[in-house]
Amino acid sequence: MDGDEALRGSASWWTAVWGYRVAMVAVVVIVAGLVTMVASTGSGQWIIAAGMGLVVVADLMVLTGISRAGRSLPGKRPPFRTLRRALLHDALHGAA
């Protein structure tokens, strides 16, 4: 992807990367809530609600970060699919 270094150096990009990581944690929390619902309906529902709240926060972080990072690139914007692939790579491979 053109401008990889410029993209990965921006604070907006790292907001999106951390948002994606928060989304992965949210999925784990939701699964834990589903498992907890077997033993206690009330507790499981609260855990699932907390996980859904994390999903909303993560989505906002990812969308804001990607849109700001894409706007900061010089020239033509890369397609969203390319940005998403780079985001997934950075979030899963621990690029810092």
Protein backbone atom coordinates (compact mmCIF):
# COMPACT_ATOMS: atom_id res chain seq x y z
CA MET A 1 0.00 0.00 0.00
CA ASP A 2 1.31 3.45 -0.84
CA GLY A 3 1.97 5.60 2.17
CA ASP A 4 2.24 2.72 4.65
CA GLU A 5 4.85 4.52 6.72
CA ALA A 6 2.89 7.77 6.75
CA LEU A 7 -0.28 5.93 7.73
CA ARG A 8 1.31 3.87 10.49
CA GLY A 9 3.04 6.90 11.96
CA SER A 10 -0.15 8.84 12.66
CA ALA A 11 -1.95 8.97 15.99
CA SER A 12 -5.29 8.44 14.24
CA TRP A 13 -4.09 5.13 12.85
CA TRP A 14 -3.13 3.90 16.30
CA THR A 15 -6.53 4.92 17.60
CA ALA A 16 -8.03 2.59 14.98
CA VAL A 17 -5.58 -0.20 15.84
CA TRP A 18 -6.42 0.00 19.54
CA GLY A 19 -10.10 0.17 18.70
CA TYR A 20 -9.76 -3.11 16.83
CA ARG A 21 -7.99 -4.64 19.82
CA VAL A 22 -10.78 -3.45 22.13
CA ALA A 23 -13.27 -5.11 19.76
CA MET A 24 -11.45 -8.42 20.16
CA VAL A 25 -11.66 -8.09 23.96
CA ALA A 26 -15.36 -7.25 23.64
CA VAL A 27 -15.99 -10.49 21.75
CA VAL A 28 -14.30 -12.44 24.55
CA VAL A 29 -16.45 -10.63 27.14
CA ILE A 30 -19.63 -11.42 25.20
CA VAL A 31 -18.70 -15.10 24.95
CA ALA A 32 -17.98 -15.13 28.70
CA GLY A 33 -21.42 -13.60 29.24
CA LEU A 34 -23.04 -16.32 27.17
CA VAL A 35 -21.25 -19.00 29.19
CA THR A 36 -22.26 -17.29 32.44
CA MET A 37 -25.92 -17.25 31.37
CA VAL A 38 -25.97 -21.02 31.82
CA ALA A 39 -25.47 -20.61 35.57
CA SER A 40 -27.03 -17.21 36.26
CA THR A 41 -29.31 -15.35 33.87
CA GLY A 42 -28.99 -11.94 35.55
CA SER A 43 -25.21 -11.90 35.74
CA GLY A 44 -24.84 -13.18 32.19
CA GLN A 45 -27.07 -10.44 30.84
CA TRP A 46 -25.01 -7.74 32.57
CA ILE A 47 -21.77 -9.19 31.21
CA ILE A 48 -23.22 -9.30 27.69
CA ALA A 49 -24.42 -5.70 28.06
CA ALA A 50 -20.91 -4.63 29.11
CA GLY A 51 -19.48 -6.46 26.10
CA MET A 52 -21.91 -4.72 23.77
CA GLY A 53 -20.90 -1.37 25.27
CA LEU A 54 -17.28 -2.24 24.50
CA VAL A 55 -18.29 -3.09 20.93
CA VAL A 56 -19.85 0.36 20.47
CA VAL A 57 -16.76 2.10 21.87
CA ALA A 58 -14.47 -0.02 19.68
CA ASP A 59 -16.51 0.70 16.54
CA LEU A 60 -16.34 4.43 17.21
CA MET A 61 -12.58 4.24 17.73
CA VAL A 62 -12.00 2.25 14.55
CA LEU A 63 -14.23 4.36 12.32
CA THR A 64 -12.89 7.65 13.65
CA GLY A 65 -9.29 6.51 13.40
CA ILE A 66 -9.61 5.14 9.86
CA SER A 67 -11.43 8.19 8.55
CA ARG A 68 -8.93 10.63 10.08
CA ALA A 69 -5.92 8.59 8.99
CA GLY A 70 -7.30 8.25 5.46
CA ARG A 71 -7.91 11.99 5.23
CA SER A 72 -4.38 12.77 6.37
CA LEU A 73 -2.77 10.83 3.51
CA PRO A 74 -1.51 12.93 0.61
CA GLY A 75 -3.07 12.36 -2.79
CA LYS A 76 -5.87 9.94 -3.53
CA ARG A 77 -7.33 7.93 -0.65
CA PRO A 78 -6.72 4.19 -0.68
CA PRO A 79 -9.78 1.95 -0.80
CA PHE A 80 -11.36 0.97 2.52
CA ARG A 81 -10.52 -2.70 1.91
CA THR A 82 -6.82 -1.85 1.80
CA LEU A 83 -7.04 0.19 4.99
CA ARG A 84 -8.94 -2.61 6.72
CA ARG A 85 -6.32 -5.19 5.72
CA ALA A 86 -3.48 -2.99 7.07
CA LEU A 87 -5.46 -2.36 10.27
CA LEU A 88 -6.03 -6.08 10.82
CA HIS A 89 -2.32 -6.77 10.26
CA ASP A 90 -1.21 -4.11 12.74
CA ALA A 91 -3.76 -5.11 15.39
CA LEU A 92 -2.95 -8.82 15.27
CA HIS A 93 0.80 -8.68 14.78
CA GLY A 94 1.51 -6.23 17.56
CA ALA A 95 3.11 -3.52 15.46
CA ALA A 96 3.95 -0.65 17.75
